[in-house]
Structure formats: structure tokens, C-alpha cells
Amino acid sequence: MTRDELSARHCAPHSGAMDRLTDAEVSRLLAAVPGWQLESGQIARTYAFHDYDETMAFVNGVAWLAQRENHHPDLSVGYNRCRVAYSTHDVGGLSMNDFVCAAKIDVLRDL
């Protein structure tokens, strides 16, 4: 699956271990979202910006996207950077929703 294919999808309700991705699925999907890394059971990426205004515009875009998809990341925001981390608490690990949102955020960053 490519980043464009992932970003064209929408998040779906997931719950329970049956919706948790396997290690092989996680590895395959990570290849579709370069720059994202597996960290302590989450996928995460830090984005760099020129200044605070650019950072906050990105954060607001991520917040809008998260509300639209009903899938919310953990954000760590600094003056010129934002770390975004995803996991799906309802499945106790990673789900397809995490990768769909990662791809959508990468597309948002490219705008």
C-alpha cells in the first residue's frame, strides 16, 4: 500500500485485539510513510518548521484532521517543531487508523 492509498482512506471504528496489526503488517505499512518510526508501541514522527506561526498552523491542521477522522494523536509542540505519535488504545497497539492518519498528516505537511 502506498502513502496516497492510505491517505485516501478514512478511519473506521476498531476495538479488541482482532483489529491490532501484526508486526509484519506494521513493517509493511511503515514503508508507506517514510519518516515515521516505531517507538514504544506507537508510530511517531517529528516535523520541523521555520517559526512558531508555521508550527501552530500545522498543529491546527492536525487537530482538524484528528476531529474529522475521530482518531487523535499525542502531540508535543515546541517553537519550531511538532512530534506526532499514534497508537490505538481500543486495540492495545497499532491499527490501520494510525497509518491512515500518518499518511494524511504527511500530505498536510506537503501543502
PDB file of N, CA and C in Angstrom:
ATOM      1  N   MET A   1       0.848  -1.174   0.000  1.00  0.00           N
ATOM      2  CA  MET A   1       0.000   0.000   0.000  1.00  0.00           C
ATOM      3  C   MET A   1       0.892   1.236   0.000  1.00  0.00           C
ATOM      4  N   THR A   2       0.496   2.263  -0.740  1.00  0.00           N
ATOM      5  CA  THR A   2       1.275   3.487  -0.832  1.00  0.00           C
ATOM      6  C   THR A   2       0.726   4.556   0.113  1.00  0.00           C
ATOM      7  N   ARG A   3       1.502   5.613   0.285  1.00  0.00           N
ATOM      8  CA  ARG A   3       1.036   6.733   1.110  1.00  0.00           C
ATOM      9  C   ARG A   3      -0.249   7.310   0.535  1.00  0.00           C
ATOM     10  N   ASP A   4      -0.320   7.450  -0.791  1.00  0.00           N
ATOM     11  CA  ASP A   4      -1.522   8.012  -1.401  1.00  0.00           C
ATOM     12  C   ASP A   4      -2.740   7.122  -1.177  1.00  0.00           C
ATOM     13  N   GLU A   5      -2.543   5.821  -1.246  1.00  0.00           N
ATOM     14  CA  GLU A   5      -3.661   4.900  -0.984  1.00  0.00           C
ATOM     15  C   GLU A   5      -4.111   5.004   0.468  1.00  0.00           C
ATOM     16  N   LEU A   6      -3.164   5.089   1.384  1.00  0.00           N
ATOM     17  CA  LEU A   6      -3.516   5.238   2.796  1.00  0.00           C
ATOM     18  C   LEU A   6      -4.247   6.551   3.047  1.00  0.00           C
ATOM     19  N   SER A   7      -3.739   7.642   2.473  1.00  0.00           N
ATOM     20  CA  SER A   7      -4.329   8.957   2.749  1.00  0.00           C
ATOM     21  C   SER A   7      -5.723   9.106   2.142  1.00  0.00           C
ATOM     22  N   ALA A   8      -6.061   8.280   1.168  1.00  0.00           N
ATOM     23  CA  ALA A   8      -7.395   8.329   0.559  1.00  0.00           C
ATOM     24  C   ALA A   8      -8.446   7.603   1.409  1.00  0.00           C
ATOM     25  N   ARG A   9      -7.989   6.819   2.374  1.00  0.00           N
ATOM     26  CA  ARG A   9      -8.910   6.079   3.232  1.00  0.00           C
ATOM     27  C   ARG A   9      -9.400   6.956   4.375  1.00  0.00           C
ATOM     28  N   HIS A  10     -10.388   6.449   5.098  1.00  0.00           N
ATOM     29  CA  HIS A  10     -10.873   7.117   6.301  1.00  0.00           C
ATOM     30  C   HIS A  10     -10.818   6.145   7.462  1.00  0.00           C
ATOM     31  N   CYS A  11     -10.701   6.676   8.647  1.00  0.00           N
ATOM     32  CA  CYS A  11     -10.640   5.841   9.843  1.00  0.00           C
ATOM     33  C   CYS A  11     -11.979   5.138  10.065  1.00  0.00           C
ATOM     34  N   ALA A  12     -11.884   3.932  10.590  1.00  0.00           N
ATOM     35  CA  ALA A  12     -13.060   3.125  10.900  1.00  0.00           C
ATOM     36  C   ALA A  12     -12.973   2.708  12.364  1.00  0.00           C
ATOM     37  N   PRO A  13     -14.115   2.464  12.991  1.00  0.00           N
ATOM     38  CA  PRO A  13     -14.076   2.010  14.385  1.00  0.00           C
ATOM     39  C   PRO A  13     -13.319   0.681  14.513  1.00  0.00           C
ATOM     40  N   HIS A  14     -12.438   0.613  15.489  1.00  0.00           N
ATOM     41  CA  HIS A  14     -11.681  -0.607  15.782  1.00  0.00           C
ATOM     42  C   HIS A  14     -11.744  -0.855  17.278  1.00  0.00           C
ATOM     43  N   SER A  15     -11.831  -2.118  17.642  1.00  0.00           N
ATOM     44  CA  SER A  15     -11.756  -2.461  19.054  1.00  0.00           C
ATOM     45  C   SER A  15     -11.334  -3.909  19.195  1.00  0.00           C
ATOM     46  N   GLY A  16     -10.540  -4.148  20.199  1.00  0.00           N
ATOM     47  CA  GLY A  16     -10.106  -5.502  20.506  1.00  0.00           C
ATOM     48  C   GLY A  16      -8.873  -5.920  19.726  1.00  0.00           C
ATOM     49  N   ALA A  17      -8.285  -6.974  20.202  1.00  0.00           N
ATOM     50  CA  ALA A  17      -7.035  -7.484  19.639  1.00  0.00           C
ATOM     51  C   ALA A  17      -7.166  -7.916  18.183  1.00  0.00           C
ATOM     52  N   MET A  18      -8.373  -8.262  17.753  1.00  0.00           N
ATOM     53  CA  MET A  18      -8.537  -8.722  16.368  1.00  0.00           C
ATOM     54  C   MET A  18      -8.244  -7.616  15.357  1.00  0.00           C
ATOM     55  N   ASP A  19      -8.349  -6.342  15.776  1.00  0.00           N
ATOM     56  CA  ASP A  19      -8.064  -5.217  14.895  1.00  0.00           C
ATOM     57  C   ASP A  19      -6.633  -4.695  15.045  1.00  0.00           C
ATOM     58  N   ARG A  20      -5.853  -5.294  15.935  1.00  0.00           N
ATOM     59  CA  ARG A  20      -4.455  -4.898  16.128  1.00  0.00           C
ATOM     60  C   ARG A  20      -3.623  -5.441  14.972  1.00  0.00           C
ATOM     61  N   LEU A  21      -2.746  -4.605  14.433  1.00  0.00           N
ATOM     62  CA  LEU A  21      -1.874  -5.023  13.337  1.00  0.00           C
ATOM     63  C   LEU A  21      -0.771  -5.944  13.844  1.00  0.00           C
ATOM     64  N   THR A  22      -0.381  -6.876  13.002  1.00  0.00           N
ATOM     65  CA  THR A  22       0.742  -7.746  13.335  1.00  0.00           C
ATOM     66  C   THR A  22       2.050  -6.995  13.091  1.00  0.00           C
ATOM     67  N   ASP A  23       3.136  -7.526  13.599  1.00  0.00           N
ATOM     68  CA  ASP A  23       4.449  -6.911  13.367  1.00  0.00           C
ATOM     69  C   ASP A  23       4.757  -6.822  11.879  1.00  0.00           C
ATOM     70  N   ALA A  24       4.395  -7.842  11.121  1.00  0.00           N
ATOM     71  CA  ALA A  24       4.640  -7.834   9.675  1.00  0.00           C
ATOM     72  C   ALA A  24       3.827  -6.743   8.987  1.00  0.00           C
ATOM     73  N   GLU A  25       2.579  -6.574   9.400  1.00  0.00           N
ATOM     74  CA  GLU A  25       1.736  -5.521   8.822  1.00  0.00           C
ATOM     75  C   GLU A  25       2.288  -4.143   9.168  1.00  0.00           C
ATOM     76  N   VAL A  26       2.741  -3.962  10.391  1.00  0.00           N
ATOM     77  CA  VAL A  26       3.322  -2.684  10.809  1.00  0.00           C
ATOM     78  C   VAL A  26       4.548  -2.368   9.962  1.00  0.00           C
ATOM     79  N   SER A  27       5.420  -3.337   9.770  1.00  0.00           N
ATOM     80  CA  SER A  27       6.624  -3.130   8.955  1.00  0.00           C
ATOM     81  C   SER A  27       6.274  -2.749   7.532  1.00  0.00           C
ATOM     82  N   ARG A  28       5.298  -3.419   6.964  1.00  0.00           N
ATOM     83  CA  ARG A  28       4.877  -3.138   5.583  1.00  0.00           C
ATOM     84  C   ARG A  28       4.294  -1.726   5.479  1.00  0.00           C
ATOM     85  N   LEU A  29       3.471  -1.344   6.430  1.00  0.00           N
ATOM     86  CA  LEU A  29       2.838  -0.030   6.392  1.00  0.00           C
ATOM     87  C   LEU A  29       3.818   1.095   6.710  1.00  0.00           C
ATOM     88  N   LEU A  30       4.801   0.847   7.560  1.00  0.00           N
ATOM     89  CA  LEU A  30       5.818   1.867   7.836  1.00  0.00           C
ATOM     90  C   LEU A  30       6.565   2.255   6.565  1.00  0.00           C
ATOM     91  N   ALA A  31       6.737   1.322   5.660  1.00  0.00           N
ATOM     92  CA  ALA A  31       7.418   1.619   4.399  1.00  0.00           C
ATOM     93  C   ALA A  31       6.624   2.620   3.557  1.00  0.00           C
ATOM     94  N   ALA A  32       5.327   2.698   3.773  1.00  0.00           N
ATOM     95  CA  ALA A  32       4.472   3.616   3.010  1.00  0.00           C
ATOM     96  C   ALA A  32       4.473   5.029   3.586  1.00  0.00           C
ATOM     97  N   VAL A  33       4.978   5.197   4.800  1.00  0.00           N
ATOM     98  CA  VAL A  33       5.015   6.517   5.439  1.00  0.00           C
ATOM     99  C   VAL A  33       6.445   6.815   5.915  1.00  0.00           C
ATOM    100  N   PRO A  34       7.340   7.102   4.969  1.00  0.00           N
ATOM    101  CA  PRO A  34       8.733   7.377   5.328  1.00  0.00           C
ATOM    102  C   PRO A  34       8.821   8.521   6.346  1.00  0.00           C
ATOM    103  N   GLY A  35       9.748   8.377   7.267  1.00  0.00           N
ATOM    104  CA  GLY A  35       9.927   9.379   8.311  1.00  0.00           C
ATOM    105  C   GLY A  35       9.245   9.003   9.617  1.00  0.00           C
ATOM    106  N   TRP A  36       8.251   8.144   9.556  1.00  0.00           N
ATOM    107  CA  TRP A  36       7.583   7.644  10.754  1.00  0.00           C
ATOM    108  C   TRP A  36       8.367   6.451  11.273  1.00  0.00           C
ATOM    109  N   GLN A  37       8.457   6.345  12.598  1.00  0.00           N
ATOM    110  CA  GLN A  37       9.203   5.267  13.216  1.00  0.00           C
ATOM    111  C   GLN A  37       8.382   4.613  14.310  1.00  0.00           C
ATOM    112  N   LEU A  38       8.668   3.361  14.526  1.00  0.00           N
ATOM    113  CA  LEU A  38       8.044   2.624  15.618  1.00  0.00           C
ATOM    114  C   LEU A  38       8.799   2.958  16.895  1.00  0.00           C
ATOM    115  N   GLU A  39       8.087   3.476  17.903  1.00  0.00           N
ATOM    116  CA  GLU A  39       8.689   3.870  19.176  1.00  0.00           C
ATOM    117  C   GLU A  39       7.769   3.456  20.312  1.00  0.00           C
ATOM    118  N   SER A  40       8.182   2.503  21.082  1.00  0.00           N
ATOM    119  CA  SER A  40       7.433   2.100  22.285  1.00  0.00           C
ATOM    120  C   SER A  40       5.965   1.813  21.998  1.00  0.00           C
ATOM    121  N   GLY A  41       5.698   1.055  20.948  1.00  0.00           N
ATOM    122  CA  GLY A  41       4.338   0.654  20.634  1.00  0.00           C
ATOM    123  C   GLY A  41       3.520   1.696  19.905  1.00  0.00           C
ATOM    124  N   GLN A  42       4.144   2.798  19.519  1.00  0.00           N
ATOM    125  CA  GLN A  42       3.482   3.856  18.758  1.00  0.00           C
ATOM    126  C   GLN A  42       4.253   4.079  17.466  1.00  0.00           C
ATOM    127  N   ILE A  43       3.596   4.736  16.507  1.00  0.00           N
ATOM    128  CA  ILE A  43       4.349   5.278  15.387  1.00  0.00           C
ATOM    129  C   ILE A  43       4.450   6.775  15.636  1.00  0.00           C
ATOM    130  N   ALA A  44       5.619   7.340  15.350  1.00  0.00           N
ATOM    131  CA  ALA A  44       5.852   8.744  15.668  1.00  0.00           C
ATOM    132  C   ALA A  44       6.734   9.393  14.613  1.00  0.00           C
ATOM    133  N   ARG A  45       6.557  10.705  14.488  1.00  0.00           N
ATOM    134  CA  ARG A  45       7.390  11.499  13.595  1.00  0.00           C
ATOM    135  C   ARG A  45       7.468  12.916  14.146  1.00  0.00           C
ATOM    136  N   THR A  46       8.647  13.517  14.023  1.00  0.00           N
ATOM    137  CA  THR A  46       8.823  14.914  14.408  1.00  0.00           C
ATOM    138  C   THR A  46       8.984  15.741  13.145  1.00  0.00           C
ATOM    139  N   TYR A  47       8.176  16.779  13.052  1.00  0.00           N
ATOM    140  CA  TYR A  47       8.205  17.701  11.919  1.00  0.00           C
ATOM    141  C   TYR A  47       8.894  18.984  12.359  1.00  0.00           C
ATOM    142  N   ALA A  48       9.731  19.547  11.482  1.00  0.00           N
ATOM    143  CA  ALA A  48      10.436  20.793  11.766  1.00  0.00           C
ATOM    144  C   ALA A  48       9.838  21.930  10.936  1.00  0.00           C
ATOM    145  N   PHE A  49       9.838  23.135  11.524  1.00  0.00           N
ATOM    146  CA  PHE A  49       9.265  24.308  10.882  1.00  0.00           C
ATOM    147  C   PHE A  49      10.208  25.490  11.028  1.00  0.00           C
ATOM    148  N   HIS A  50       9.926  26.557  10.300  1.00  0.00           N
ATOM    149  CA  HIS A  50      10.770  27.744  10.346  1.00  0.00           C
ATOM    150  C   HIS A  50      10.522  28.587  11.587  1.00  0.00           C
ATOM    151  N   ASP A  51       9.269  28.636  12.037  1.00  0.00           N
ATOM    152  CA  ASP A  51       8.950  29.505  13.169  1.00  0.00           C
ATOM    153  C   ASP A  51       7.676  29.015  13.859  1.00  0.00           C
ATOM    154  N   TYR A  52       7.304  29.748  14.884  1.00  0.00           N
ATOM    155  CA  TYR A  52       6.152  29.372  15.701  1.00  0.00           C
ATOM    156  C   TYR A  52       4.844  29.429  14.912  1.00  0.00           C
ATOM    157  N   ASP A  53       4.682  30.455  14.080  1.00  0.00           N
ATOM    158  CA  ASP A  53       3.453  30.568  13.290  1.00  0.00           C
ATOM    159  C   ASP A  53       3.251  29.351  12.399  1.00  0.00           C
ATOM    160  N   GLU A  54       4.310  28.926  11.738  1.00  0.00           N
ATOM    161  CA  GLU A  54       4.224  27.760  10.856  1.00  0.00           C
ATOM    162  C   GLU A  54       3.923  26.500  11.661  1.00  0.00           C
ATOM    163  N   THR A  55       4.540  26.389  12.826  1.00  0.00           N
ATOM    164  CA  THR A  55       4.289  25.233  13.697  1.00  0.00           C
ATOM    165  C   THR A  55       2.828  25.182  14.112  1.00  0.00           C
ATOM    166  N   MET A  56       2.298  26.318  14.553  1.00  0.00           N
ATOM    167  CA  MET A  56       0.915  26.336  15.034  1.00  0.00           C
ATOM    168  C   MET A  56      -0.096  26.126  13.909  1.00  0.00           C
ATOM    169  N   ALA A  57       0.208  26.586  12.720  1.00  0.00           N
ATOM    170  CA  ALA A  57      -0.683  26.316  11.583  1.00  0.00           C
ATOM    171  C   ALA A  57      -0.754  24.812  11.343  1.00  0.00           C
ATOM    172  N   PHE A  58       0.391  24.152  11.426  1.00  0.00           N
ATOM    173  CA  PHE A  58       0.428  22.693  11.264  1.00  0.00           C
ATOM    174  C   PHE A  58      -0.365  22.009  12.380  1.00  0.00           C
ATOM    175  N   VAL A  59      -0.143  22.427  13.619  1.00  0.00           N
ATOM    176  CA  VAL A  59      -0.847  21.823  14.758  1.00  0.00           C
ATOM    177  C   VAL A  59      -2.351  21.971  14.593  1.00  0.00           C
ATOM    178  N   ASN A  60      -2.805  23.134  14.172  1.00  0.00           N
ATOM    179  CA  ASN A  60      -4.241  23.340  13.958  1.00  0.00           C
ATOM    180  C   ASN A  60      -4.765  22.446  12.843  1.00  0.00           C
ATOM    181  N   GLY A  61      -3.976  22.250  11.790  1.00  0.00           N
ATOM    182  CA  GLY A  61      -4.371  21.336  10.719  1.00  0.00           C
ATOM    183  C   GLY A  61      -4.480  19.904  11.211  1.00  0.00           C
ATOM    184  N   VAL A  62      -3.526  19.490  12.039  1.00  0.00           N
ATOM    185  CA  VAL A  62      -3.566  18.132  12.611  1.00  0.00           C
ATOM    186  C   VAL A  62      -4.788  17.982  13.504  1.00  0.00           C
ATOM    187  N   ALA A  63      -5.086  19.002  14.302  1.00  0.00           N
ATOM    188  CA  ALA A  63      -6.259  18.933  15.184  1.00  0.00           C
ATOM    189  C   ALA A  63      -7.547  18.813  14.378  1.00  0.00           C
ATOM    190  N   TRP A  64      -7.654  19.572  13.298  1.00  0.00           N
ATOM    191  CA  TRP A  64      -8.838  19.491  12.439  1.00  0.00           C
ATOM    192  C   TRP A  64      -8.962  18.091  11.836  1.00  0.00           C
ATOM    193  N   LEU A  65      -7.852  17.583  11.332  1.00  0.00           N
ATOM    194  CA  LEU A  65      -7.853  16.250  10.729  1.00  0.00           C
ATOM    195  C   LEU A  65      -8.242  15.188  11.765  1.00  0.00           C
ATOM    196  N   ALA A  66      -7.690  15.301  12.958  1.00  0.00           N
ATOM    197  CA  ALA A  66      -7.983  14.327  14.020  1.00  0.00           C
ATOM    198  C   ALA A  66      -9.465  14.319  14.367  1.00  0.00           C
ATOM    199  N   GLN A  67     -10.073  15.495  14.444  1.00  0.00           N
ATOM    200  CA  GLN A  67     -11.503  15.573  14.727  1.00  0.00           C
ATOM    201  C   GLN A  67     -12.316  14.966  13.592  1.00  0.00           C
ATOM    202  N   ARG A  68     -11.935  15.270  12.359  1.00  0.00           N
ATOM    203  CA  ARG A  68     -12.665  14.749  11.197  1.00  0.00           C
ATOM    204  C   ARG A  68     -12.602  13.226  11.138  1.00  0.00           C
ATOM    205  N   GLU A  69     -11.438  12.663  11.469  1.00  0.00           N
ATOM    206  CA  GLU A  69     -11.265  11.211  11.407  1.00  0.00           C
ATOM    207  C   GLU A  69     -11.638  10.518  12.722  1.00  0.00           C
ATOM    208  N   ASN A  70     -11.875  11.309  13.771  1.00  0.00           N
ATOM    209  CA  ASN A  70     -12.152  10.770  15.108  1.00  0.00           C
ATOM    210  C   ASN A  70     -11.044   9.810  15.557  1.00  0.00           C
ATOM    211  N   HIS A  71      -9.813  10.252  15.316  1.00  0.00           N
ATOM    212  CA  HIS A  71      -8.637   9.480  15.734  1.00  0.00           C
ATOM    213  C   HIS A  71      -7.562  10.502  16.100  1.00  0.00           C
ATOM    214  N   HIS A  72      -7.225  10.556  17.385  1.00  0.00           N
ATOM    215  CA  HIS A  72      -6.452  11.664  17.921  1.00  0.00           C
ATOM    216  C   HIS A  72      -5.045  11.243  18.330  1.00  0.00           C
ATOM    217  N   PRO A  73      -4.039  12.000  17.876  1.00  0.00           N
ATOM    218  CA  PRO A  73      -2.656  11.682  18.226  1.00  0.00           C
ATOM    219  C   PRO A  73      -2.240  12.351  19.530  1.00  0.00           C
ATOM    220  N   ASP A  74      -1.091  11.936  20.032  1.00  0.00           N
ATOM    221  CA  ASP A  74      -0.404  12.668  21.085  1.00  0.00           C
ATOM    222  C   ASP A  74       0.513  13.655  20.379  1.00  0.00           C
ATOM    223  N   LEU A  75       0.469  14.906  20.798  1.00  0.00           N
ATOM    224  CA  LEU A  75       1.291  15.950  20.189  1.00  0.00           C
ATOM    225  C   LEU A  75       2.221  16.541  21.241  1.00  0.00           C
ATOM    226  N   SER A  76       3.459  16.779  20.833  1.00  0.00           N
ATOM    227  CA  SER A  76       4.422  17.528  21.636  1.00  0.00           C
ATOM    228  C   SER A  76       4.860  18.697  20.772  1.00  0.00           C
ATOM    229  N   VAL A  77       4.594  19.906  21.230  1.00  0.00           N
ATOM    230  CA  VAL A  77       4.798  21.094  20.404  1.00  0.00           C
ATOM    231  C   VAL A  77       5.872  21.981  21.017  1.00  0.00           C
ATOM    232  N   GLY A  78       6.787  22.434  20.168  1.00  0.00           N
ATOM    233  CA  GLY A  78       7.800  23.415  20.547  1.00  0.00           C
ATOM    234  C   GLY A  78       7.755  24.581  19.582  1.00  0.00           C
ATOM    235  N   TYR A  79       8.650  25.510  19.747  1.00  0.00           N
ATOM    236  CA  TYR A  79       8.664  26.718  18.919  1.00  0.00           C
ATOM    237  C   TYR A  79       8.671  26.401  17.430  1.00  0.00           C
ATOM    238  N   ASN A  80       9.536  25.495  17.014  1.00  0.00           N
ATOM    239  CA  ASN A  80       9.668  25.203  15.577  1.00  0.00           C
ATOM    240  C   ASN A  80       9.644  23.704  15.283  1.00  0.00           C
ATOM    241  N   ARG A  81       8.880  22.977  16.088  1.00  0.00           N
ATOM    242  CA  ARG A  81       8.777  21.534  15.863  1.00  0.00           C
ATOM    243  C   ARG A  81       7.489  20.990  16.480  1.00  0.00           C
ATOM    244  N   CYS A  82       7.080  19.860  15.946  1.00  0.00           N
ATOM    245  CA  CYS A  82       5.911  19.156  16.493  1.00  0.00           C
ATOM    246  C   CYS A  82       6.140  17.664  16.325  1.00  0.00           C
ATOM    247  N   ARG A  83       6.059  16.945  17.416  1.00  0.00           N
ATOM    248  CA  ARG A  83       6.137  15.484  17.381  1.00  0.00           C
ATOM    249  C   ARG A  83       4.708  14.949  17.426  1.00  0.00           C
ATOM    250  N   VAL A  84       4.401  14.066  16.497  1.00  0.00           N
ATOM    251  CA  VAL A  84       3.080  13.449  16.409  1.00  0.00           C
ATOM    252  C   VAL A  84       3.256  11.956  16.670  1.00  0.00           C
ATOM    253  N   ALA A  85       2.465  11.393  17.552  1.00  0.00           N
ATOM    254  CA  ALA A  85       2.547   9.964  17.867  1.00  0.00           C
ATOM    255  C   ALA A  85       1.146   9.362  17.869  1.00  0.00           C
ATOM    256  N   TYR A  86       1.037   8.193  17.264  1.00  0.00           N
ATOM    257  CA  TYR A  86      -0.240   7.486  17.169  1.00  0.00           C
ATOM    258  C   TYR A  86      -0.132   6.068  17.707  1.00  0.00           C
ATOM    259  N   SER A  87      -1.180   5.651  18.368  1.00  0.00           N
ATOM    260  CA  SER A  87      -1.481   4.246  18.653  1.00  0.00           C
ATOM    261  C   SER A  87      -2.994   4.200  18.849  1.00  0.00           C
ATOM    262  N   THR A  88      -3.540   3.007  18.873  1.00  0.00           N
ATOM    263  CA  THR A  88      -4.987   2.858  19.031  1.00  0.00           C
ATOM    264  C   THR A  88      -5.252   2.160  20.357  1.00  0.00           C
ATOM    265  N   HIS A  89      -5.667   2.941  21.339  1.00  0.00           N
ATOM    266  CA  HIS A  89      -5.882   2.402  22.686  1.00  0.00           C
ATOM    267  C   HIS A  89      -6.906   1.274  22.688  1.00  0.00           C
ATOM    268  N   ASP A  90      -7.937   1.382  21.849  1.00  0.00           N
ATOM    269  CA  ASP A  90      -9.003   0.372  21.832  1.00  0.00           C
ATOM    270  C   ASP A  90      -8.533  -0.998  21.364  1.00  0.00           C
ATOM    271  N   VAL A  91      -7.400  -1.066  20.668  1.00  0.00           N
ATOM    272  CA  VAL A  91      -6.886  -2.373  20.231  1.00  0.00           C
ATOM    273  C   VAL A  91      -5.634  -2.772  21.006  1.00  0.00           C
ATOM    274  N   GLY A  92      -5.149  -1.888  21.847  1.00  0.00           N
ATOM    275  CA  GLY A  92      -3.953  -2.192  22.629  1.00  0.00           C
ATOM    276  C   GLY A  92      -2.691  -2.240  21.785  1.00  0.00           C
ATOM    277  N   GLY A  93      -2.616  -1.412  20.773  1.00  0.00           N
ATOM    278  CA  GLY A  93      -1.447  -1.394  19.888  1.00  0.00           C
ATOM    279  C   GLY A  93      -1.711  -0.506  18.691  1.00  0.00           C
ATOM    280  N   LEU A  94      -1.260  -0.950  17.549  1.00  0.00           N
ATOM    281  CA  LEU A  94      -1.424  -0.179  16.321  1.00  0.00           C
ATOM    282  C   LEU A  94      -2.544  -0.751  15.461  1.00  0.00           C
ATOM    283  N   SER A  95      -3.292   0.160  14.839  1.00  0.00           N
ATOM    284  CA  SER A  95      -4.343  -0.246  13.913  1.00  0.00           C
ATOM    285  C   SER A  95      -4.125   0.455  12.577  1.00  0.00           C
ATOM    286  N   MET A  96      -4.916   0.107  11.606  1.00  0.00           N
ATOM    287  CA  MET A  96      -4.848   0.755  10.301  1.00  0.00           C
ATOM    288  C   MET A  96      -5.105   2.257  10.437  1.00  0.00           C
ATOM    289  N   ASN A  97      -5.941   2.656  11.380  1.00  0.00           N
ATOM    290  CA  ASN A  97      -6.234   4.078  11.569  1.00  0.00           C
ATOM    291  C   ASN A  97      -4.981   4.904  11.826  1.00  0.00           C
ATOM    292  N   ASP A  98      -4.027   4.342  12.551  1.00  0.00           N
ATOM    293  CA  ASP A  98      -2.793   5.065  12.849  1.00  0.00           C
ATOM    294  C   ASP A  98      -2.040   5.402  11.566  1.00  0.00           C
ATOM    295  N   PHE A  99      -1.993   4.481  10.648  1.00  0.00           N
ATOM    296  CA  PHE A  99      -1.275   4.684   9.395  1.00  0.00           C
ATOM    297  C   PHE A  99      -2.058   5.563   8.423  1.00  0.00           C
ATOM    298  N   VAL A 100      -3.365   5.445   8.436  1.00  0.00           N
ATOM    299  CA  VAL A 100      -4.196   6.330   7.613  1.00  0.00           C
ATOM    300  C   VAL A 100      -3.953   7.777   8.037  1.00  0.00           C
ATOM    301  N   CYS A 101      -3.973   8.037   9.328  1.00  0.00           N
ATOM    302  CA  CYS A 101      -3.765   9.403   9.814  1.00  0.00           C
ATOM    303  C   CYS A 101      -2.328   9.867   9.592  1.00  0.00           C
ATOM    304  N   ALA A 102      -1.363   8.987   9.752  1.00  0.00           N
ATOM    305  CA  ALA A 102       0.030   9.359   9.478  1.00  0.00           C
ATOM    306  C   ALA A 102       0.175   9.817   8.031  1.00  0.00           C
ATOM    307  N   ALA A 103      -0.412   9.087   7.114  1.00  0.00           N
ATOM    308  CA  ALA A 103      -0.339   9.450   5.692  1.00  0.00           C
ATOM    309  C   ALA A 103      -1.045  10.780   5.436  1.00  0.00           C
ATOM    310  N   LYS A 104      -2.195  10.981   6.056  1.00  0.00           N
ATOM    311  CA  LYS A 104      -2.926  12.237   5.881  1.00  0.00           C
ATOM    312  C   LYS A 104      -2.123  13.422   6.419  1.00  0.00           C
ATOM    313  N   ILE A 105      -1.437  13.237   7.529  1.00  0.00           N
ATOM    314  CA  ILE A 105      -0.619  14.309   8.103  1.00  0.00           C
ATOM    315  C   ILE A 105       0.569  14.612   7.196  1.00  0.00           C
ATOM    316  N   ASP A 106       1.172  13.582   6.614  1.00  0.00           N
ATOM    317  CA  ASP A 106       2.269  13.825   5.664  1.00  0.00           C
ATOM    318  C   ASP A 106       1.777  14.636   4.466  1.00  0.00           C
ATOM    319  N   VAL A 107       0.596  14.332   3.966  1.00  0.00           N
ATOM    320  CA  VAL A 107       0.028  15.092   2.848  1.00  0.00           C
ATOM    321  C   VAL A 107      -0.226  16.537   3.286  1.00  0.00           C
ATOM    322  N   LEU A 108      -0.766  16.718   4.494  1.00  0.00           N
ATOM    323  CA  LEU A 108      -0.996  18.056   5.033  1.00  0.00           C
ATOM    324  C   LEU A 108       0.314  18.831   5.101  1.00  0.00           C
ATOM    325  N   ARG A 109       1.369  18.197   5.552  1.00  0.00           N
ATOM    326  CA  ARG A 109       2.675  18.864   5.674  1.00  0.00           C
ATOM    327  C   ARG A 109       3.209  19.272   4.292  1.00  0.00           C
ATOM    328  N   ASP A 110       2.884  18.509   3.281  1.00  0.00           N
ATOM    329  CA  ASP A 110       3.374  18.807   1.938  1.00  0.00           C
ATOM    330  C   ASP A 110       2.659  19.983   1.286  1.00  0.00           C
ATOM    331  N   LEU A 111       1.520  20.424   1.856  1.00  0.00           N
ATOM    332  CA  LEU A 111       0.759  21.530   1.261  1.00  0.00           C
ATOM    333  C   LEU A 111       1.503  22.842   1.326  1.00  0.00           C
TER     334      LEU A 111
END
